[in-house]
Amino acid sequence: MSRIVVIGGTGYAGSAIVAEAAARGHEVTAFSRSLPDDRVQGVNYIQGDATDEATLASVTSGADVVVAALAPRGPLAGHFRDVNRTIARLADAENARLFVVGGYSSLRPAAGAPRFVEDLSHAPAEVHDEILAGAALIIEDLPATPETLNWVFVSPALAFGAFAPGERLGEYRLGDDVAVRPEDGGAISAPDYATGLVDLIEQENHHRAHVNLAH
């Protein structure tokens, strides 16, 4: 079993990943700026500020796997990329594998095609900044990390979030950086996304890779 630290462990994706990893017997720490009312048995919950590097260093110390499940909005709107770069650096120092919860817009409709993020006409203007910040992690920041860092950027399907929770189907499909069923995104619930992500952690088949999960 692995020691898994989930940064943003009480958010939509993060909480599902925490629950799935704990259910499989992993040693799980959930780090977030607020503590949940309902806690998963056996999970170590730590409250703190992700912009504080000393706190992040303490939380990730000794981790086998670090999951970055942060959203580029709210208190992190202006700090999202810096925080994720810090997480990557700390994970590398710990020789821990890094899994990043990504976004749909960083995917491509077909092999070699431009990423969806290159044309945001389909998205409301008020979310353009957070879409661009999220995609920058896989376009610029993660590829620039040292080769010693084993990272996997895991994009969900288009309809993913508390606004469209979906149902647990107990299945998922795995793609690379080409969106699975790009015509509709393939949907996916948080529990099924978490199942796929924890499978990726356990299987250790991907290295410095961009993948996507959909139904």
N, C-alpha and C. Protein backbone atom coordinates (compact mmCIF):
# COMPACT_ATOMS: atom_id res chain seq x y z
N MET A 1 0.83 -1.19 0.00
CA MET A 1 0.00 0.00 0.00
C MET A 1 0.87 1.26 0.00
N SER A 2 0.33 2.33 -0.50
CA SER A 2 1.09 3.57 -0.63
C SER A 2 0.61 4.62 0.35
N ARG A 3 1.51 5.53 0.69
CA ARG A 3 1.11 6.71 1.44
C ARG A 3 0.75 7.78 0.41
N ILE A 4 -0.53 8.12 0.35
CA ILE A 4 -1.05 9.04 -0.66
C ILE A 4 -1.50 10.32 0.02
N VAL A 5 -0.99 11.44 -0.45
CA VAL A 5 -1.37 12.75 0.06
C VAL A 5 -2.17 13.45 -1.03
N VAL A 6 -3.40 13.86 -0.69
CA VAL A 6 -4.27 14.54 -1.65
C VAL A 6 -4.37 16.00 -1.26
N ILE A 7 -3.77 16.87 -2.07
CA ILE A 7 -3.86 18.31 -1.84
C ILE A 7 -5.15 18.80 -2.48
N GLY A 8 -6.03 19.34 -1.65
CA GLY A 8 -7.38 19.65 -2.12
C GLY A 8 -8.29 18.45 -1.88
N GLY A 9 -8.06 17.77 -0.78
CA GLY A 9 -8.71 16.49 -0.51
C GLY A 9 -10.15 16.56 -0.07
N THR A 10 -10.73 17.75 0.03
CA THR A 10 -12.15 17.85 0.39
C THR A 10 -12.97 18.46 -0.74
N GLY A 11 -12.35 18.70 -1.90
CA GLY A 11 -13.07 19.23 -3.05
C GLY A 11 -13.84 18.14 -3.78
N TYR A 12 -14.41 18.51 -4.91
CA TYR A 12 -15.26 17.57 -5.65
C TYR A 12 -14.48 16.32 -6.08
N ALA A 13 -13.40 16.51 -6.80
CA ALA A 13 -12.59 15.36 -7.21
C ALA A 13 -11.77 14.81 -6.05
N GLY A 14 -11.17 15.71 -5.28
CA GLY A 14 -10.29 15.28 -4.21
C GLY A 14 -10.95 14.39 -3.18
N SER A 15 -12.17 14.73 -2.78
CA SER A 15 -12.86 13.93 -1.77
C SER A 15 -13.17 12.53 -2.29
N ALA A 16 -13.49 12.43 -3.58
CA ALA A 16 -13.76 11.11 -4.16
C ALA A 16 -12.49 10.28 -4.23
N ILE A 17 -11.37 10.92 -4.56
CA ILE A 17 -10.09 10.22 -4.62
C ILE A 17 -9.68 9.74 -3.23
N VAL A 18 -9.86 10.59 -2.24
CA VAL A 18 -9.56 10.22 -0.84
C VAL A 18 -10.37 8.99 -0.44
N ALA A 19 -11.67 9.01 -0.72
CA ALA A 19 -12.54 7.89 -0.34
C ALA A 19 -12.13 6.61 -1.04
N GLU A 20 -11.83 6.69 -2.33
CA GLU A 20 -11.47 5.49 -3.10
C GLU A 20 -10.14 4.92 -2.63
N ALA A 21 -9.16 5.79 -2.43
CA ALA A 21 -7.84 5.31 -2.01
C ALA A 21 -7.91 4.69 -0.62
N ALA A 22 -8.66 5.31 0.28
CA ALA A 22 -8.79 4.76 1.64
C ALA A 22 -9.52 3.42 1.62
N ALA A 23 -10.53 3.30 0.77
CA ALA A 23 -11.28 2.04 0.69
C ALA A 23 -10.41 0.90 0.22
N ARG A 24 -9.34 1.20 -0.50
CA ARG A 24 -8.43 0.16 -0.99
C ARG A 24 -7.29 -0.12 -0.02
N GLY A 25 -7.30 0.55 1.12
CA GLY A 25 -6.31 0.26 2.14
C GLY A 25 -5.06 1.11 2.11
N HIS A 26 -5.04 2.13 1.26
CA HIS A 26 -3.89 3.03 1.25
C HIS A 26 -3.91 3.94 2.47
N GLU A 27 -2.74 4.41 2.86
CA GLU A 27 -2.64 5.38 3.94
C GLU A 27 -2.84 6.77 3.33
N VAL A 28 -3.94 7.42 3.68
CA VAL A 28 -4.35 8.64 2.97
C VAL A 28 -4.35 9.85 3.90
N THR A 29 -3.76 10.94 3.41
CA THR A 29 -3.84 12.23 4.07
C THR A 29 -4.55 13.19 3.13
N ALA A 30 -5.56 13.88 3.65
CA ALA A 30 -6.30 14.88 2.87
C ALA A 30 -5.98 16.25 3.42
N PHE A 31 -5.42 17.10 2.57
CA PHE A 31 -5.04 18.45 2.96
C PHE A 31 -5.94 19.45 2.25
N SER A 32 -6.50 20.40 3.01
CA SER A 32 -7.39 21.39 2.41
C SER A 32 -7.52 22.59 3.34
N ARG A 33 -8.08 23.67 2.82
CA ARG A 33 -8.21 24.88 3.63
C ARG A 33 -9.36 24.79 4.62
N SER A 34 -10.25 23.82 4.47
CA SER A 34 -11.33 23.61 5.44
C SER A 34 -11.51 22.12 5.66
N LEU A 35 -12.03 21.77 6.82
CA LEU A 35 -12.24 20.37 7.15
C LEU A 35 -13.69 19.98 6.86
N PRO A 36 -13.92 18.76 6.38
CA PRO A 36 -15.28 18.34 6.03
C PRO A 36 -16.09 17.96 7.27
N ASP A 37 -17.39 18.08 7.14
CA ASP A 37 -18.27 17.63 8.23
C ASP A 37 -18.27 16.11 8.31
N ASP A 38 -18.29 15.46 7.15
CA ASP A 38 -18.27 14.00 7.09
C ASP A 38 -16.88 13.53 6.68
N ARG A 39 -16.25 12.75 7.52
CA ARG A 39 -14.89 12.31 7.25
C ARG A 39 -14.86 10.81 6.95
N VAL A 40 -13.93 10.44 6.07
CA VAL A 40 -13.73 9.04 5.74
C VAL A 40 -12.92 8.39 6.84
N GLN A 41 -13.40 7.28 7.33
CA GLN A 41 -12.70 6.60 8.43
C GLN A 41 -11.28 6.22 8.03
N GLY A 42 -10.35 6.52 8.91
CA GLY A 42 -8.96 6.16 8.69
C GLY A 42 -8.14 7.19 7.95
N VAL A 43 -8.80 8.23 7.42
CA VAL A 43 -8.08 9.28 6.68
C VAL A 43 -7.58 10.34 7.64
N ASN A 44 -6.35 10.79 7.43
CA ASN A 44 -5.76 11.86 8.22
C ASN A 44 -6.08 13.19 7.55
N TYR A 45 -6.91 14.01 8.17
CA TYR A 45 -7.30 15.30 7.61
C TYR A 45 -6.46 16.40 8.23
N ILE A 46 -5.88 17.23 7.36
CA ILE A 46 -5.06 18.35 7.81
C ILE A 46 -5.58 19.63 7.16
N GLN A 47 -5.79 20.64 7.97
CA GLN A 47 -6.27 21.92 7.48
C GLN A 47 -5.10 22.88 7.34
N GLY A 48 -5.06 23.60 6.21
CA GLY A 48 -3.97 24.55 6.02
C GLY A 48 -4.09 25.30 4.72
N ASP A 49 -3.13 26.16 4.48
CA ASP A 49 -3.10 27.04 3.31
C ASP A 49 -2.13 26.48 2.28
N ALA A 50 -2.63 26.15 1.11
CA ALA A 50 -1.79 25.56 0.08
C ALA A 50 -0.76 26.53 -0.49
N THR A 51 -0.93 27.82 -0.22
CA THR A 51 0.06 28.78 -0.70
C THR A 51 1.28 28.88 0.22
N ASP A 52 1.22 28.19 1.36
CA ASP A 52 2.33 28.21 2.32
C ASP A 52 3.24 27.01 2.06
N GLU A 53 4.41 27.26 1.52
CA GLU A 53 5.30 26.16 1.12
C GLU A 53 5.74 25.31 2.30
N ALA A 54 5.98 25.93 3.45
CA ALA A 54 6.42 25.16 4.61
C ALA A 54 5.35 24.15 5.02
N THR A 55 4.11 24.56 4.95
CA THR A 55 3.01 23.66 5.29
C THR A 55 2.92 22.52 4.28
N LEU A 56 3.01 22.85 2.99
CA LEU A 56 2.98 21.82 1.96
C LEU A 56 4.14 20.83 2.13
N ALA A 57 5.30 21.34 2.47
CA ALA A 57 6.47 20.48 2.66
C ALA A 57 6.24 19.50 3.81
N SER A 58 5.63 20.00 4.87
CA SER A 58 5.35 19.14 6.02
C SER A 58 4.34 18.05 5.65
N VAL A 59 3.31 18.43 4.90
CA VAL A 59 2.26 17.48 4.54
C VAL A 59 2.76 16.42 3.58
N THR A 60 3.61 16.80 2.62
CA THR A 60 4.08 15.85 1.61
C THR A 60 5.29 15.03 2.05
N SER A 61 5.88 15.38 3.19
CA SER A 61 7.04 14.65 3.66
C SER A 61 6.73 13.17 3.85
N GLY A 62 7.51 12.32 3.22
CA GLY A 62 7.33 10.88 3.35
C GLY A 62 6.29 10.27 2.43
N ALA A 63 5.69 11.09 1.55
CA ALA A 63 4.64 10.58 0.66
C ALA A 63 5.23 9.70 -0.44
N ASP A 64 4.48 8.67 -0.81
CA ASP A 64 4.82 7.87 -2.00
C ASP A 64 4.16 8.47 -3.24
N VAL A 65 2.97 9.03 -3.03
CA VAL A 65 2.18 9.61 -4.12
C VAL A 65 1.59 10.92 -3.63
N VAL A 66 1.68 11.95 -4.47
CA VAL A 66 1.02 13.22 -4.18
C VAL A 66 -0.01 13.46 -5.29
N VAL A 67 -1.23 13.77 -4.87
CA VAL A 67 -2.30 14.10 -5.82
C VAL A 67 -2.63 15.58 -5.66
N ALA A 68 -2.50 16.34 -6.72
CA ALA A 68 -2.86 17.75 -6.71
C ALA A 68 -4.26 17.89 -7.29
N ALA A 69 -5.22 18.18 -6.42
CA ALA A 69 -6.63 18.25 -6.83
C ALA A 69 -7.19 19.63 -6.52
N LEU A 70 -6.47 20.65 -6.94
CA LEU A 70 -6.84 22.03 -6.65
C LEU A 70 -7.56 22.66 -7.83
N ALA A 71 -8.39 23.65 -7.53
CA ALA A 71 -9.12 24.37 -8.57
C ALA A 71 -8.55 25.78 -8.73
N PRO A 72 -8.43 26.25 -9.98
CA PRO A 72 -7.86 27.59 -10.22
C PRO A 72 -8.87 28.71 -10.04
N ARG A 73 -9.52 28.70 -8.90
CA ARG A 73 -10.52 29.73 -8.62
C ARG A 73 -10.52 30.04 -7.13
N GLY A 74 -11.33 31.01 -6.73
CA GLY A 74 -11.40 31.38 -5.32
C GLY A 74 -10.05 31.87 -4.82
N PRO A 75 -9.65 31.45 -3.61
CA PRO A 75 -8.39 31.93 -3.02
C PRO A 75 -7.15 31.59 -3.86
N LEU A 76 -7.26 30.59 -4.74
CA LEU A 76 -6.10 30.20 -5.54
C LEU A 76 -6.10 30.83 -6.93
N ALA A 77 -7.05 31.68 -7.22
CA ALA A 77 -7.18 32.24 -8.56
C ALA A 77 -5.88 32.84 -9.07
N GLY A 78 -5.17 33.57 -8.23
CA GLY A 78 -3.93 34.20 -8.67
C GLY A 78 -2.68 33.43 -8.31
N HIS A 79 -2.85 32.27 -7.68
CA HIS A 79 -1.69 31.52 -7.18
C HIS A 79 -1.64 30.08 -7.69
N PHE A 80 -2.60 29.70 -8.51
CA PHE A 80 -2.79 28.29 -8.87
C PHE A 80 -1.53 27.66 -9.47
N ARG A 81 -0.95 28.32 -10.46
CA ARG A 81 0.22 27.73 -11.11
C ARG A 81 1.42 27.70 -10.17
N ASP A 82 1.61 28.76 -9.41
CA ASP A 82 2.73 28.78 -8.47
C ASP A 82 2.61 27.66 -7.44
N VAL A 83 1.39 27.45 -6.92
CA VAL A 83 1.17 26.40 -5.93
C VAL A 83 1.45 25.03 -6.54
N ASN A 84 0.97 24.80 -7.76
CA ASN A 84 1.20 23.51 -8.40
C ASN A 84 2.67 23.29 -8.74
N ARG A 85 3.37 24.36 -9.10
CA ARG A 85 4.81 24.22 -9.33
C ARG A 85 5.53 23.86 -8.04
N THR A 86 5.09 24.43 -6.93
CA THR A 86 5.68 24.09 -5.63
C THR A 86 5.40 22.64 -5.28
N ILE A 87 4.17 22.20 -5.49
CA ILE A 87 3.81 20.81 -5.21
C ILE A 87 4.68 19.87 -6.04
N ALA A 88 4.88 20.20 -7.31
CA ALA A 88 5.72 19.37 -8.18
C ALA A 88 7.15 19.30 -7.65
N ARG A 89 7.67 20.42 -7.25
CA ARG A 89 9.05 20.46 -6.74
C ARG A 89 9.18 19.63 -5.46
N LEU A 90 8.20 19.74 -4.57
CA LEU A 90 8.23 18.99 -3.32
C LEU A 90 8.07 17.49 -3.57
N ALA A 91 7.20 17.13 -4.50
CA ALA A 91 7.02 15.72 -4.83
C ALA A 91 8.31 15.13 -5.39
N ASP A 92 8.98 15.89 -6.24
CA ASP A 92 10.25 15.43 -6.80
C ASP A 92 11.29 15.22 -5.71
N ALA A 93 11.32 16.16 -4.76
CA ALA A 93 12.28 16.05 -3.65
C ALA A 93 12.02 14.81 -2.81
N GLU A 94 10.76 14.41 -2.72
CA GLU A 94 10.40 13.22 -1.93
C GLU A 94 10.48 11.94 -2.75
N ASN A 95 10.82 12.08 -4.05
CA ASN A 95 10.79 10.93 -4.96
C ASN A 95 9.40 10.31 -5.00
N ALA A 96 8.39 11.16 -4.90
CA ALA A 96 7.00 10.72 -4.92
C ALA A 96 6.43 10.91 -6.32
N ARG A 97 5.54 10.03 -6.72
CA ARG A 97 4.84 10.20 -7.98
C ARG A 97 3.76 11.28 -7.82
N LEU A 98 3.56 12.06 -8.87
CA LEU A 98 2.61 13.16 -8.82
C LEU A 98 1.48 12.92 -9.81
N PHE A 99 0.25 13.01 -9.32
CA PHE A 99 -0.93 12.92 -10.16
C PHE A 99 -1.70 14.23 -10.04
N VAL A 100 -2.01 14.84 -11.18
CA VAL A 100 -2.67 16.14 -11.19
C VAL A 100 -4.05 15.99 -11.79
N VAL A 101 -5.06 16.46 -11.06
CA VAL A 101 -6.43 16.49 -11.59
C VAL A 101 -6.51 17.63 -12.59
N GLY A 102 -6.66 17.29 -13.85
CA GLY A 102 -6.66 18.29 -14.91
C GLY A 102 -8.05 18.70 -15.34
N GLY A 103 -8.10 19.32 -16.52
CA GLY A 103 -9.37 19.77 -17.08
C GLY A 103 -9.56 19.24 -18.48
N TYR A 104 -10.78 19.29 -18.94
CA TYR A 104 -11.12 18.77 -20.27
C TYR A 104 -10.49 19.60 -21.39
N SER A 105 -10.41 20.91 -21.21
CA SER A 105 -10.00 21.79 -22.30
C SER A 105 -8.55 21.62 -22.71
N SER A 106 -7.76 20.93 -21.90
CA SER A 106 -6.37 20.68 -22.27
C SER A 106 -6.24 19.49 -23.23
N LEU A 107 -7.34 18.78 -23.46
CA LEU A 107 -7.33 17.64 -24.37
C LEU A 107 -7.43 18.09 -25.83
N ARG A 108 -7.31 17.11 -26.73
CA ARG A 108 -7.42 17.36 -28.17
C ARG A 108 -8.62 16.58 -28.74
N PRO A 109 -9.24 17.09 -29.80
CA PRO A 109 -10.33 16.34 -30.43
C PRO A 109 -9.83 15.16 -31.27
N ALA A 110 -8.57 15.23 -31.71
CA ALA A 110 -7.97 14.16 -32.52
C ALA A 110 -6.46 14.24 -32.36
N ALA A 111 -5.79 13.16 -32.69
CA ALA A 111 -4.33 13.12 -32.56
C ALA A 111 -3.69 14.24 -33.38
N GLY A 112 -2.82 15.02 -32.73
CA GLY A 112 -2.12 16.09 -33.41
C GLY A 112 -2.91 17.36 -33.60
N ALA A 113 -4.19 17.33 -33.27
CA ALA A 113 -5.04 18.52 -33.43
C ALA A 113 -4.76 19.52 -32.31
N PRO A 114 -5.07 20.80 -32.51
CA PRO A 114 -4.93 21.78 -31.43
C PRO A 114 -5.77 21.38 -30.22
N ARG A 115 -5.31 21.75 -29.06
CA ARG A 115 -6.08 21.48 -27.85
C ARG A 115 -7.34 22.35 -27.84
N PHE A 116 -8.36 21.86 -27.15
CA PHE A 116 -9.60 22.63 -27.05
C PHE A 116 -9.37 24.02 -26.48
N VAL A 117 -8.38 24.16 -25.60
CA VAL A 117 -8.12 25.43 -24.93
C VAL A 117 -7.71 26.52 -25.92
N GLU A 118 -7.28 26.14 -27.11
CA GLU A 118 -6.86 27.13 -28.09
C GLU A 118 -8.03 27.89 -28.71
N ASP A 119 -9.23 27.42 -28.49
CA ASP A 119 -10.43 28.14 -28.94
C ASP A 119 -11.47 28.04 -27.84
N LEU A 120 -11.60 29.10 -27.05
CA LEU A 120 -12.50 29.08 -25.90
C LEU A 120 -13.85 29.72 -26.20
N SER A 121 -14.21 29.80 -27.46
CA SER A 121 -15.48 30.42 -27.82
C SER A 121 -16.68 29.64 -27.26
N HIS A 122 -16.45 28.37 -26.92
CA HIS A 122 -17.53 27.55 -26.38
C HIS A 122 -17.77 27.79 -24.89
N ALA A 123 -16.84 28.49 -24.23
CA ALA A 123 -16.91 28.66 -22.77
C ALA A 123 -17.23 30.10 -22.40
N PRO A 124 -17.98 30.31 -21.31
CA PRO A 124 -18.27 31.67 -20.86
C PRO A 124 -16.98 32.42 -20.54
N ALA A 125 -16.96 33.70 -20.83
CA ALA A 125 -15.75 34.51 -20.65
C ALA A 125 -15.28 34.50 -19.20
N GLU A 126 -16.20 34.39 -18.24
CA GLU A 126 -15.82 34.46 -16.83
C GLU A 126 -15.00 33.26 -16.37
N VAL A 127 -14.97 32.18 -17.15
CA VAL A 127 -14.16 31.03 -16.74
C VAL A 127 -12.91 30.86 -17.60
N HIS A 128 -12.67 31.77 -18.54
CA HIS A 128 -11.51 31.64 -19.42
C HIS A 128 -10.20 31.60 -18.64
N ASP A 129 -10.05 32.47 -17.63
CA ASP A 129 -8.79 32.53 -16.90
C ASP A 129 -8.49 31.21 -16.18
N GLU A 130 -9.51 30.61 -15.57
CA GLU A 130 -9.25 29.36 -14.86
C GLU A 130 -8.99 28.21 -15.83
N ILE A 131 -9.64 28.21 -16.99
CA ILE A 131 -9.36 27.19 -18.00
C ILE A 131 -7.93 27.30 -18.49
N LEU A 132 -7.50 28.52 -18.76
CA LEU A 132 -6.13 28.74 -19.23
C LEU A 132 -5.10 28.36 -18.18
N ALA A 133 -5.38 28.69 -16.92
CA ALA A 133 -4.45 28.35 -15.84
C ALA A 133 -4.32 26.84 -15.69
N GLY A 134 -5.45 26.14 -15.76
CA GLY A 134 -5.41 24.69 -15.64
C GLY A 134 -4.66 24.03 -16.77
N ALA A 135 -4.92 24.49 -18.00
CA ALA A 135 -4.25 23.91 -19.16
C ALA A 135 -2.76 24.21 -19.17
N ALA A 136 -2.36 25.35 -18.61
CA ALA A 136 -0.94 25.72 -18.59
C ALA A 136 -0.09 24.71 -17.84
N LEU A 137 -0.70 23.99 -16.91
CA LEU A 137 0.07 22.99 -16.16
C LEU A 137 0.61 21.91 -17.09
N ILE A 138 -0.23 21.43 -18.03
CA ILE A 138 0.21 20.36 -18.90
C ILE A 138 0.92 20.89 -20.14
N ILE A 139 0.61 22.11 -20.56
CA ILE A 139 1.24 22.67 -21.75
C ILE A 139 2.65 23.18 -21.43
N GLU A 140 2.82 23.80 -20.26
CA GLU A 140 4.09 24.44 -19.94
C GLU A 140 4.78 23.88 -18.69
N ASP A 141 4.04 23.84 -17.58
CA ASP A 141 4.70 23.65 -16.28
C ASP A 141 5.19 22.24 -16.03
N LEU A 142 4.35 21.24 -16.23
CA LEU A 142 4.78 19.87 -15.96
C LEU A 142 5.88 19.40 -16.91
N PRO A 143 5.79 19.68 -18.22
CA PRO A 143 6.88 19.26 -19.10
C PRO A 143 8.22 19.90 -18.75
N ALA A 144 8.18 21.03 -18.05
CA ALA A 144 9.42 21.73 -17.69
C ALA A 144 10.04 21.20 -16.41
N THR A 145 9.38 20.30 -15.73
CA THR A 145 9.93 19.75 -14.48
C THR A 145 11.07 18.80 -14.78
N PRO A 146 11.93 18.54 -13.80
CA PRO A 146 13.05 17.60 -14.02
C PRO A 146 12.55 16.21 -14.41
N GLU A 147 13.34 15.52 -15.22
CA GLU A 147 12.96 14.18 -15.68
C GLU A 147 12.79 13.20 -14.52
N THR A 148 13.34 13.55 -13.37
CA THR A 148 13.21 12.68 -12.20
C THR A 148 11.79 12.65 -11.65
N LEU A 149 10.97 13.64 -12.00
CA LEU A 149 9.61 13.69 -11.49
C LEU A 149 8.69 12.86 -12.37
N ASN A 150 8.07 11.86 -11.78
CA ASN A 150 7.12 11.01 -12.49
C ASN A 150 5.72 11.58 -12.28
N TRP A 151 5.18 12.26 -13.29
CA TRP A 151 3.87 12.87 -13.17
C TRP A 151 2.89 12.30 -14.19
N VAL A 152 1.61 12.35 -13.81
CA VAL A 152 0.52 11.98 -14.71
C VAL A 152 -0.57 13.04 -14.55
N PHE A 153 -0.96 13.64 -15.66
CA PHE A 153 -2.00 14.67 -15.68
C PHE A 153 -3.27 13.99 -16.16
N VAL A 154 -4.31 13.99 -15.31
CA VAL A 154 -5.50 13.17 -15.56
C VAL A 154 -6.71 14.07 -15.81
N SER A 155 -7.06 14.22 -17.09
CA SER A 155 -8.20 15.05 -17.45
C SER A 155 -9.50 14.24 -17.35
N PRO A 156 -10.57 14.87 -16.86
CA PRO A 156 -11.87 14.23 -16.89
C PRO A 156 -12.61 14.59 -18.18
N ALA A 157 -13.77 14.02 -18.37
CA ALA A 157 -14.62 14.39 -19.49
C ALA A 157 -15.18 15.79 -19.28
N LEU A 158 -15.84 16.31 -20.31
CA LEU A 158 -16.32 17.69 -20.29
C LEU A 158 -17.28 17.96 -19.15
N ALA A 159 -18.27 17.12 -18.99
CA ALA A 159 -19.27 17.33 -17.94
C ALA A 159 -18.77 16.72 -16.64
N PHE A 160 -17.97 17.48 -15.91
CA PHE A 160 -17.37 16.98 -14.68
C PHE A 160 -17.36 18.09 -13.64
N GLY A 161 -18.03 17.85 -12.53
CA GLY A 161 -18.07 18.85 -11.48
C GLY A 161 -19.33 18.71 -10.64
N ALA A 162 -19.36 19.46 -9.55
CA ALA A 162 -20.52 19.39 -8.66
C ALA A 162 -21.81 19.80 -9.36
N PHE A 163 -21.68 20.57 -10.45
CA PHE A 163 -22.85 21.01 -11.21
C PHE A 163 -23.47 19.85 -12.00
N ALA A 164 -22.71 18.77 -12.21
CA ALA A 164 -23.20 17.62 -12.96
C ALA A 164 -22.62 16.35 -12.34
N PRO A 165 -23.07 15.99 -11.13
CA PRO A 165 -22.41 14.93 -10.37
C PRO A 165 -22.44 13.55 -11.03
N GLY A 166 -23.47 13.22 -11.78
CA GLY A 166 -23.52 11.92 -12.42
C GLY A 166 -23.68 10.78 -11.43
N GLU A 167 -23.69 9.57 -11.95
CA GLU A 167 -23.87 8.37 -11.13
C GLU A 167 -22.64 7.47 -11.22
N ARG A 168 -22.41 6.75 -10.13
CA ARG A 168 -21.33 5.75 -10.15
C ARG A 168 -21.78 4.58 -11.02
N LEU A 169 -21.04 4.32 -12.08
CA LEU A 169 -21.35 3.20 -12.96
C LEU A 169 -20.43 2.01 -12.72
N GLY A 170 -19.33 2.27 -11.99
CA GLY A 170 -18.38 1.19 -11.75
C GLY A 170 -17.52 0.87 -12.95
N GLU A 171 -17.41 1.84 -13.87
CA GLU A 171 -16.60 1.63 -15.07
C GLU A 171 -16.12 2.97 -15.59
N TYR A 172 -15.12 2.92 -16.45
CA TYR A 172 -14.61 4.13 -17.10
C TYR A 172 -13.82 3.70 -18.32
N ARG A 173 -13.52 4.66 -19.18
CA ARG A 173 -12.63 4.41 -20.30
C ARG A 173 -11.44 5.34 -20.19
N LEU A 174 -10.30 4.82 -20.57
CA LEU A 174 -9.04 5.55 -20.46
C LEU A 174 -8.54 5.93 -21.84
N GLY A 175 -8.22 7.21 -22.01
CA GLY A 175 -7.61 7.67 -23.25
C GLY A 175 -6.31 8.40 -22.97
N ASP A 176 -5.64 8.82 -24.04
CA ASP A 176 -4.42 9.60 -23.87
C ASP A 176 -4.79 11.08 -23.87
N ASP A 177 -4.11 11.92 -24.67
CA ASP A 177 -4.48 13.33 -24.68
C ASP A 177 -5.56 13.65 -25.71
N VAL A 178 -6.09 12.62 -26.36
CA VAL A 178 -7.24 12.77 -27.25
C VAL A 178 -8.49 12.41 -26.46
N ALA A 179 -9.43 13.34 -26.41
CA ALA A 179 -10.62 13.14 -25.57
C ALA A 179 -11.40 11.91 -25.99
N VAL A 180 -11.76 11.10 -25.03
CA VAL A 180 -12.64 9.96 -25.28
C VAL A 180 -14.02 10.49 -25.62
N ARG A 181 -14.56 10.04 -26.74
CA ARG A 181 -15.85 10.52 -27.24
C ARG A 181 -15.91 12.05 -27.23
N PRO A 182 -15.06 12.69 -28.04
CA PRO A 182 -14.98 14.15 -27.99
C PRO A 182 -16.26 14.87 -28.34
N GLU A 183 -17.21 14.16 -28.98
CA GLU A 183 -18.45 14.84 -29.34
C GLU A 183 -19.28 15.23 -28.12
N ASP A 184 -19.15 14.50 -27.03
CA ASP A 184 -19.91 14.87 -25.83
C ASP A 184 -19.09 14.78 -24.56
N GLY A 185 -17.82 14.45 -24.67
CA GLY A 185 -16.95 14.37 -23.50
C GLY A 185 -17.02 13.06 -22.77
N GLY A 186 -18.06 12.26 -23.01
CA GLY A 186 -18.16 10.97 -22.37
C GLY A 186 -18.66 10.99 -20.95
N ALA A 187 -18.83 12.21 -20.36
CA ALA A 187 -19.28 12.36 -18.97
C ALA A 187 -18.43 11.50 -18.04
N ILE A 188 -18.53 11.67 -16.78
CA ILE A 188 -17.98 10.74 -15.78
C ILE A 188 -18.32 11.31 -14.41
N SER A 189 -18.66 10.42 -13.49
CA SER A 189 -18.95 10.84 -12.12
C SER A 189 -17.64 10.93 -11.34
N ALA A 190 -17.68 11.63 -10.22
CA ALA A 190 -16.50 11.73 -9.37
C ALA A 190 -16.04 10.36 -8.87
N PRO A 191 -16.94 9.48 -8.41
CA PRO A 191 -16.47 8.16 -7.94
C PRO A 191 -15.80 7.35 -9.04
N ASP A 192 -16.31 7.42 -10.28
CA ASP A 192 -15.69 6.65 -11.35
C ASP A 192 -14.37 7.28 -11.80
N TYR A 193 -14.30 8.61 -11.79
CA TYR A 193 -13.02 9.27 -12.06
C TYR A 193 -11.99 8.86 -11.00
N ALA A 194 -12.42 8.84 -9.74
CA ALA A 194 -11.51 8.46 -8.67
C ALA A 194 -11.05 7.01 -8.81
N THR A 195 -11.95 6.14 -9.24
CA THR A 195 -11.58 4.74 -9.48
C THR A 195 -10.48 4.66 -10.52
N GLY A 196 -10.67 5.42 -11.61
CA GLY A 196 -9.66 5.42 -12.66
C GLY A 196 -8.33 5.98 -12.20
N LEU A 197 -8.38 7.07 -11.44
CA LEU A 197 -7.13 7.68 -10.99
C LEU A 197 -6.38 6.78 -10.02
N VAL A 198 -7.09 6.15 -9.10
CA VAL A 198 -6.41 5.25 -8.15
C VAL A 198 -5.90 4.01 -8.88
N ASP A 199 -6.63 3.56 -9.90
CA ASP A 199 -6.09 2.47 -10.73
C ASP A 199 -4.75 2.90 -11.36
N LEU A 200 -4.68 4.12 -11.86
CA LEU A 200 -3.43 4.62 -12.45
C LEU A 200 -2.31 4.63 -11.42
N ILE A 201 -2.64 5.03 -10.20
CA ILE A 201 -1.65 5.02 -9.12
C ILE A 201 -1.14 3.61 -8.88
N GLU A 202 -2.05 2.66 -8.81
CA GLU A 202 -1.67 1.29 -8.46
C GLU A 202 -0.97 0.56 -9.60
N GLN A 203 -1.35 0.85 -10.82
CA GLN A 203 -0.81 0.11 -11.97
C GLN A 203 0.57 0.62 -12.39
N GLU A 204 0.86 1.89 -12.13
CA GLU A 204 2.17 2.48 -12.44
C GLU A 204 2.58 2.27 -13.90
N ASN A 205 1.61 2.42 -14.81
CA ASN A 205 1.89 2.19 -16.23
C ASN A 205 2.20 3.46 -17.02
N HIS A 206 2.04 4.62 -16.38
CA HIS A 206 2.22 5.87 -17.12
C HIS A 206 3.30 6.73 -16.44
N HIS A 207 4.11 7.36 -17.27
CA HIS A 207 5.20 8.19 -16.79
C HIS A 207 5.23 9.48 -17.58
N ARG A 208 5.14 10.61 -16.89
CA ARG A 208 5.13 11.94 -17.52
C ARG A 208 4.17 11.93 -18.71
N ALA A 209 2.92 11.66 -18.39
CA ALA A 209 1.91 11.43 -19.43
C ALA A 209 0.64 12.22 -19.15
N HIS A 210 -0.08 12.50 -20.25
CA HIS A 210 -1.40 13.13 -20.17
C HIS A 210 -2.42 12.07 -20.58
N VAL A 211 -3.37 11.81 -19.68
CA VAL A 211 -4.42 10.82 -19.97
C VAL A 211 -5.78 11.46 -19.66
N ASN A 212 -6.85 10.78 -20.12
CA ASN A 212 -8.19 11.25 -19.77
C ASN A 212 -9.11 10.10 -19.45
N LEU A 213 -10.05 10.37 -18.57
CA LEU A 213 -10.99 9.36 -18.10
C LEU A 213 -12.41 9.80 -18.45
N ALA A 214 -13.18 8.88 -19.00
CA ALA A 214 -14.58 9.17 -19.34
C ALA A 214 -15.38 7.87 -19.28
N HIS A 215 -16.68 7.98 -19.25
CA HIS A 215 -17.53 6.79 -19.31
C HIS A 215 -17.58 6.29 -20.75
